[in-house]
Protein backbone atom coordinates (compact mmCIF):
# COMPACT_ATOMS: atom_id res chain seq x y z
CA UNK A 1 -30.05 -16.94 -4.48
CA UNK A 2 -27.38 -14.40 -5.23
CA UNK A 3 -25.75 -14.50 -8.65
CA UNK A 4 -22.11 -15.71 -8.79
CA UNK A 5 -21.05 -12.81 -10.91
CA UNK A 6 -22.01 -10.03 -8.53
CA UNK A 7 -19.70 -7.03 -8.89
CA UNK A 8 -17.65 -5.90 -5.85
CA UNK A 9 -16.01 -2.60 -5.08
CA UNK A 10 -12.16 -2.60 -5.37
CA UNK A 11 -10.40 -2.66 -1.96
CA UNK A 12 -8.57 0.57 -2.66
CA UNK A 13 -11.87 2.45 -3.09
CA UNK A 14 -13.47 0.65 -0.01
CA UNK A 15 -10.49 1.41 2.23
CA UNK A 16 -10.82 5.17 1.55
CA UNK A 17 -14.57 5.41 1.70
CA UNK A 18 -16.25 2.45 3.55
CA UNK A 19 -13.85 0.64 5.79
CA UNK A 20 -13.24 3.64 8.16
CA UNK A 21 -16.74 3.06 9.45
CA UNK A 22 -16.90 0.89 12.60
CA UNK A 23 -19.78 -1.08 11.15
CA UNK A 24 -17.38 -2.31 8.40
CA UNK A 25 -14.40 -3.11 10.64
CA UNK A 26 -15.20 -6.84 10.09
CA UNK A 27 -13.87 -6.66 6.47
CA UNK A 28 -10.69 -4.89 7.53
CA UNK A 29 -10.11 -7.14 10.48
CA UNK A 30 -10.45 -10.15 8.25
CA UNK A 31 -7.91 -8.83 5.85
CA UNK A 32 -5.40 -8.08 8.59
CA UNK A 33 -5.92 -11.43 10.29
CA UNK A 34 -5.13 -13.24 7.03
CA UNK A 35 -2.11 -11.23 6.09
CA UNK A 36 -0.59 -10.81 9.59
CA UNK A 37 -1.27 -14.46 10.51
CA UNK A 38 -2.98 -13.73 13.83
CA UNK A 39 -6.39 -12.56 15.04
CA UNK A 40 -6.65 -8.79 14.72
CA UNK A 41 -9.33 -6.55 16.37
CA UNK A 42 -9.48 -2.96 15.31
CA UNK A 43 -10.13 -0.49 18.18
CA UNK A 44 -10.19 2.72 16.13
CA UNK A 45 -9.12 4.37 12.88
CA UNK A 46 -6.55 7.05 13.62
CA UNK A 47 -6.50 10.36 11.74
CA UNK A 48 -3.32 12.40 11.51
CA UNK A 49 -1.35 14.49 8.94
CA UNK A 50 -0.04 11.28 7.38
CA UNK A 51 -3.45 10.04 6.26
CA UNK A 52 -5.36 13.15 5.37
CA UNK A 53 -7.85 12.92 2.56
CA UNK A 54 -6.47 15.78 0.40
CA UNK A 55 -4.59 14.38 -2.67
CA UNK A 56 -2.51 17.60 -2.73
CA UNK A 57 -1.25 17.21 0.88
CA UNK A 58 2.42 16.33 0.87
CA UNK A 59 1.83 14.03 3.82
CA UNK A 60 -0.90 12.08 2.02
CA UNK A 61 0.84 8.79 2.29
CA UNK A 62 -1.37 6.41 4.25
CA UNK A 63 -4.78 5.05 3.24
CA UNK A 64 -5.69 3.72 6.75
CA UNK A 65 -3.98 3.90 10.04
CA UNK A 66 -5.54 1.87 12.77
CA UNK A 67 -4.96 0.94 16.39
CA UNK A 68 -5.52 -2.78 17.32
CA UNK A 69 -6.45 -4.41 20.61
CA UNK A 70 -2.82 -4.75 21.52
CA UNK A 71 -2.28 -1.01 21.27
CA UNK A 72 -0.20 -1.46 18.09
CA UNK A 73 -0.36 0.76 15.03
CA UNK A 74 -1.25 -0.81 11.72
CA UNK A 75 -0.70 1.17 8.44
CA UNK A 76 -2.25 0.05 5.21
CA UNK A 77 -1.35 1.75 1.91
CA UNK A 78 -2.44 0.85 -1.62
CA UNK A 79 -0.23 1.93 -4.50
CA UNK A 80 -1.82 1.66 -7.93
CA UNK A 81 0.90 3.29 -9.99
CA UNK A 82 4.70 3.26 -9.92
CA UNK A 83 6.45 5.74 -7.70
CA UNK A 84 10.14 6.59 -7.32
CA UNK A 85 11.67 5.98 -3.89
CA UNK A 86 8.80 3.78 -2.69
CA UNK A 87 10.74 2.09 0.05
CA UNK A 88 11.81 5.52 1.42
CA UNK A 89 8.17 6.49 1.35
CA UNK A 90 6.95 3.61 3.54
CA UNK A 91 9.87 4.09 5.88
CA UNK A 92 8.79 7.74 6.25
CA UNK A 93 5.23 6.70 6.91
CA UNK A 94 6.36 4.27 9.70
CA UNK A 95 8.68 6.76 11.33
CA UNK A 96 5.84 9.40 11.19
CA UNK A 97 3.40 7.01 12.84
CA UNK A 98 5.86 6.18 15.67
CA UNK A 99 6.63 9.83 16.47
CA UNK A 100 2.99 10.85 16.31
CA UNK A 101 2.09 8.41 19.00
CA UNK A 102 4.65 9.17 21.66
CA UNK A 103 4.39 12.43 23.46
CA UNK A 104 7.23 14.72 24.30
CA UNK A 105 8.74 13.73 27.66
CA UNK A 106 7.38 10.14 27.63
CA UNK A 107 9.77 7.25 28.08
CA UNK A 108 10.87 5.28 25.06
CA UNK A 109 9.02 2.10 26.20
CA UNK A 110 5.78 3.96 25.10
CA UNK A 111 6.96 3.58 21.57
CA UNK A 112 4.21 1.61 19.63
CA UNK A 113 4.94 -1.47 17.45
CA UNK A 114 3.97 -0.59 13.83
CA UNK A 115 2.97 -2.88 11.00
CA UNK A 116 3.25 -1.46 7.49
CA UNK A 117 1.19 -3.22 4.86
CA UNK A 118 1.66 -2.18 1.21
CA UNK A 119 -0.71 -3.46 -1.49
CA UNK A 120 1.23 -2.92 -4.72
CA UNK A 121 -0.30 -2.94 -8.15
CA UNK A 122 3.08 -2.27 -9.85
CA UNK A 123 6.36 -4.21 -10.19
CA UNK A 124 8.64 -3.14 -7.32
CA UNK A 125 11.43 -5.65 -8.08
CA UNK A 126 12.36 -9.21 -8.88
CA UNK A 127 11.04 -12.07 -6.83
CA UNK A 128 9.15 -15.34 -7.11
CA UNK A 129 6.52 -14.75 -4.43
CA UNK A 130 3.56 -12.50 -4.22
CA UNK A 131 3.89 -11.81 -0.53
CA UNK A 132 7.02 -10.59 1.28
CA UNK A 133 7.61 -9.87 4.91
CA UNK A 134 10.62 -8.07 6.40
CA UNK A 135 11.89 -6.80 9.76
CA UNK A 136 15.16 -5.57 11.34
CA UNK A 137 17.54 -8.20 12.40
CA UNK A 138 21.13 -8.04 13.86
CA UNK A 139 23.53 -10.31 11.98
CA UNK A 140 27.12 -10.85 12.85
CA UNK A 141 29.41 -9.17 10.25
CA UNK A 142 32.06 -11.86 10.62
CA UNK A 143 30.11 -14.90 11.84
CA UNK A 144 26.76 -14.50 10.16
CA UNK A 145 24.86 -15.53 13.23
CA UNK A 146 21.80 -13.62 14.37
CA UNK A 147 22.11 -11.74 17.80
CA UNK A 148 19.74 -13.14 20.35
CA UNK A 149 18.90 -10.21 22.68
CA UNK A 150 18.51 -11.07 26.37
CA UNK A 151 15.34 -9.70 27.82
CA UNK A 152 14.36 -12.28 30.53
CA UNK A 153 17.28 -11.91 32.89
CA UNK A 154 16.82 -9.75 35.93
CA UNK A 155 17.80 -6.03 35.41
CA UNK A 156 18.20 -6.73 31.67
CA UNK A 157 18.75 -3.42 29.82
CA UNK A 158 16.44 -4.50 26.94
CA UNK A 159 12.96 -5.16 28.20
CA UNK A 160 11.33 -6.23 24.93
CA UNK A 161 12.52 -8.45 22.05
CA UNK A 162 13.37 -6.61 18.75
CA UNK A 163 10.38 -8.37 17.15
CA UNK A 164 8.13 -6.64 19.71
CA UNK A 165 9.59 -3.19 18.97
CA UNK A 166 10.78 -2.86 15.40
CA UNK A 167 8.34 -2.16 12.61
CA UNK A 168 7.26 -5.03 10.24
CA UNK A 169 6.85 -4.42 6.56
CA UNK A 170 4.59 -6.50 4.39
CA UNK A 171 4.58 -6.14 0.63
CA UNK A 172 1.66 -7.59 -1.28
CA UNK A 173 2.48 -7.88 -5.01
CA UNK A 174 -0.94 -8.21 -6.48
CA UNK A 175 -0.05 -8.52 -10.10
CA UNK A 176 2.23 -11.47 -9.33
CA UNK A 177 -0.59 -13.66 -8.03
CA UNK A 178 -1.73 -16.34 -10.53
CA UNK A 179 -2.91 -19.26 -8.46
CA UNK A 180 -6.27 -20.93 -8.05
CA UNK A 181 -7.69 -19.48 -4.84
CA UNK A 182 -7.94 -22.22 -2.23
CA UNK A 183 -6.58 -20.84 1.06
CA UNK A 184 -7.97 -17.77 2.79
CA UNK A 185 -4.78 -15.82 1.77
CA UNK A 186 -5.23 -16.88 -1.83
CA UNK A 187 -8.95 -15.89 -1.76
CA UNK A 188 -7.95 -12.46 -0.51
CA UNK A 189 -5.28 -12.11 -3.24
CA UNK A 190 -7.89 -13.06 -5.85
CA UNK A 191 -10.27 -10.32 -4.62
CA UNK A 192 -7.41 -7.72 -4.53
CA UNK A 193 -6.48 -8.63 -8.06
CA UNK A 194 -9.77 -8.86 -9.88
CA UNK A 195 -12.61 -8.23 -7.36
CA UNK A 196 -13.71 -11.91 -7.32
CA UNK A 197 -15.22 -13.39 -4.12
CA UNK A 198 -16.48 -16.98 -3.91
CA UNK A 199 -20.10 -17.25 -2.91
CA UNK A 200 -19.23 -19.92 -0.36
CA UNK A 201 -16.13 -18.20 1.06
CA UNK A 202 -15.20 -18.74 4.65
CA UNK A 203 -12.07 -16.50 4.53
CA UNK A 204 -12.07 -14.00 7.37
CA UNK A 205 -13.57 -10.68 6.19
CA UNK A 206 -14.59 -11.78 2.72
CA UNK A 207 -18.02 -12.84 3.81
CA UNK A 208 -18.67 -9.35 5.11
CA UNK A 209 -17.20 -7.92 1.95
CA UNK A 210 -19.71 -9.75 -0.14
CA UNK A 211 -22.45 -8.07 1.81
CA UNK A 212 -21.07 -4.65 2.24
CA UNK A 213 -18.88 -3.95 -0.88
CA UNK A 214 -21.44 -4.66 -3.59
CA UNK A 215 -21.03 -2.31 -6.56
CA UNK A 216 -24.87 -1.98 -7.11
CA UNK A 217 -25.38 -1.19 -3.46
CA UNK A 218 -23.91 2.29 -4.02
CA UNK A 219 -25.91 5.22 -5.20
CA UNK A 220 -25.71 6.29 -8.81
CA UNK A 221 -23.53 9.25 -7.82
CA UNK A 222 -21.23 6.96 -5.82
CA UNK A 223 -20.98 4.52 -8.72
CA UNK A 224 -20.09 7.41 -11.05
CA UNK A 225 -17.28 8.53 -8.81
CA UNK A 226 -16.10 4.93 -8.43
CA UNK A 227 -16.05 4.40 -12.25
CA UNK A 228 -14.12 7.66 -12.70
CA UNK A 229 -11.59 6.48 -10.13
CA UNK A 230 -11.03 3.23 -12.07
CA UNK A 231 -10.73 5.12 -15.31
CA UNK A 232 -8.12 7.50 -13.84
CA UNK A 233 -6.06 4.44 -12.61
CA UNK A 234 -6.20 2.84 -16.00
CA UNK A 235 -5.21 6.06 -17.83
CA UNK A 236 -2.32 6.84 -15.48
CA UNK A 237 -0.99 3.18 -15.82
CA UNK A 238 -1.36 3.33 -19.65
CA UNK A 239 0.38 6.70 -19.83
CA UNK A 240 3.27 5.52 -17.61
CA UNK A 241 3.66 2.29 -19.56
CA UNK A 242 3.64 4.08 -22.85
CA UNK A 243 6.20 6.61 -21.75
CA UNK A 244 8.42 3.82 -20.39
CA UNK A 245 8.19 2.01 -23.66
CA UNK A 246 8.79 5.02 -25.82
CA UNK A 247 11.84 5.92 -23.74
CA UNK A 248 13.30 2.43 -24.21
CA UNK A 249 12.61 2.35 -27.94
CA UNK A 250 14.22 5.70 -28.49
CA UNK A 251 17.19 4.81 -26.35
CA UNK A 252 17.76 1.64 -28.40
CA UNK A 253 17.50 3.54 -31.62
CA UNK A 254 20.23 5.90 -30.55
CA UNK A 255 22.41 2.95 -29.64
CA UNK A 256 24.42 5.00 -27.12
CA UNK A 257 24.05 5.73 -23.44
CA UNK A 258 23.14 9.34 -24.26
CA UNK A 259 20.32 8.09 -26.54
CA UNK A 260 18.93 5.91 -23.75
CA UNK A 261 19.06 8.81 -21.16
CA UNK A 262 17.46 11.13 -23.69
CA UNK A 263 14.73 8.65 -24.52
CA UNK A 264 14.00 8.12 -20.79
CA UNK A 265 13.97 11.89 -20.21
CA UNK A 266 11.58 12.60 -23.04
CA UNK A 267 9.38 9.72 -21.96
CA UNK A 268 9.18 11.17 -18.40
CA UNK A 269 8.34 14.66 -19.82
CA UNK A 270 5.66 13.18 -22.06
CA UNK A 271 4.20 11.28 -19.09
CA UNK A 272 4.10 14.51 -17.03
CA UNK A 273 2.46 16.35 -19.82
CA UNK A 274 -0.26 13.75 -20.25
CA UNK A 275 -0.94 13.57 -16.52
CA UNK A 276 -1.20 17.30 -16.39
CA UNK A 277 -3.64 17.32 -19.21
CA UNK A 278 -5.74 14.78 -17.30
CA UNK A 279 -5.95 17.20 -14.34
CA UNK A 280 -3.67 15.17 -12.05
CA UNK A 281 -2.23 17.24 -9.22
CA UNK A 282 1.31 18.53 -9.64
CA UNK A 283 2.52 16.82 -6.40
CA UNK A 284 1.22 13.47 -7.63
CA UNK A 285 2.84 13.95 -10.99
CA UNK A 286 6.16 14.81 -9.21
CA UNK A 287 5.94 11.56 -7.26
CA UNK A 288 5.24 9.53 -10.28
CA UNK A 289 7.85 11.03 -12.50
CA UNK A 290 10.60 12.38 -10.30
CA UNK A 291 10.34 15.90 -11.77
CA UNK A 292 10.10 18.96 -9.48
CA UNK A 293 6.87 20.83 -9.27
CA UNK A 294 8.49 23.85 -10.81
CA UNK A 295 9.45 21.75 -13.85
CA UNK A 296 5.85 20.44 -14.12
CA UNK A 297 4.46 23.94 -13.92
CA UNK A 298 6.65 25.01 -16.89
CA UNK A 299 5.40 22.19 -19.09
């Protein structure tokens, strides 16, 4: 009988290395089925400039881009550390996916529906829930009512409902989850947060994950790379947290707005210096701190 404390690979590592393989689509399909609320079948993993493997590529924004059985595009991105302008980033990723999958000269009805799923391991804002879902709606400026677009009438200008066309954004706030895992959604949240999977799980995809994402099933070389990945994440989070705290403390000590600004600026510079010493790519440091690459090169 398998031990209860078996160690499982984090989802962010699996999604980059293992879940692109067709044999492991069951894990990915289970995850999407639970978080999208409907049965999802993956037809293929799509490669493009928006999900290349190189960490230095400025288009390196998407961890997985897949096409489902409805010919829709699903983007999954995992963000371990804070990043400025994150909402703009996911908007860019969605726009890129839409334009990449409609050829020049094709009619607009060929536009694909896109789902953007962000798994966040940092605090993006205030909210009581750990799972948020958003989409475009048309609301009356004066009346507050929601516009019901006509699509069923003969010769209607609009052929598809907005929900069938506009992208949907799902934000998964992993660190905010603190419940006992009972439902399939909660079981997935538990796995995303601390790597725990119940031996008797029936949650879609997690049974496959227990078989295919075992830590000790990797080779020693793969385990070493994985452990280094976890260490890098912890170091970057510690550095960013320390810089943020140092900036706040110094700002308070000054007691003036200039002091706060100076504290924040020095904290950001210290963060960039530490990340640079760790060998983190300049473009990644720029995303994390807001500094330009030229400023980082001069540090």
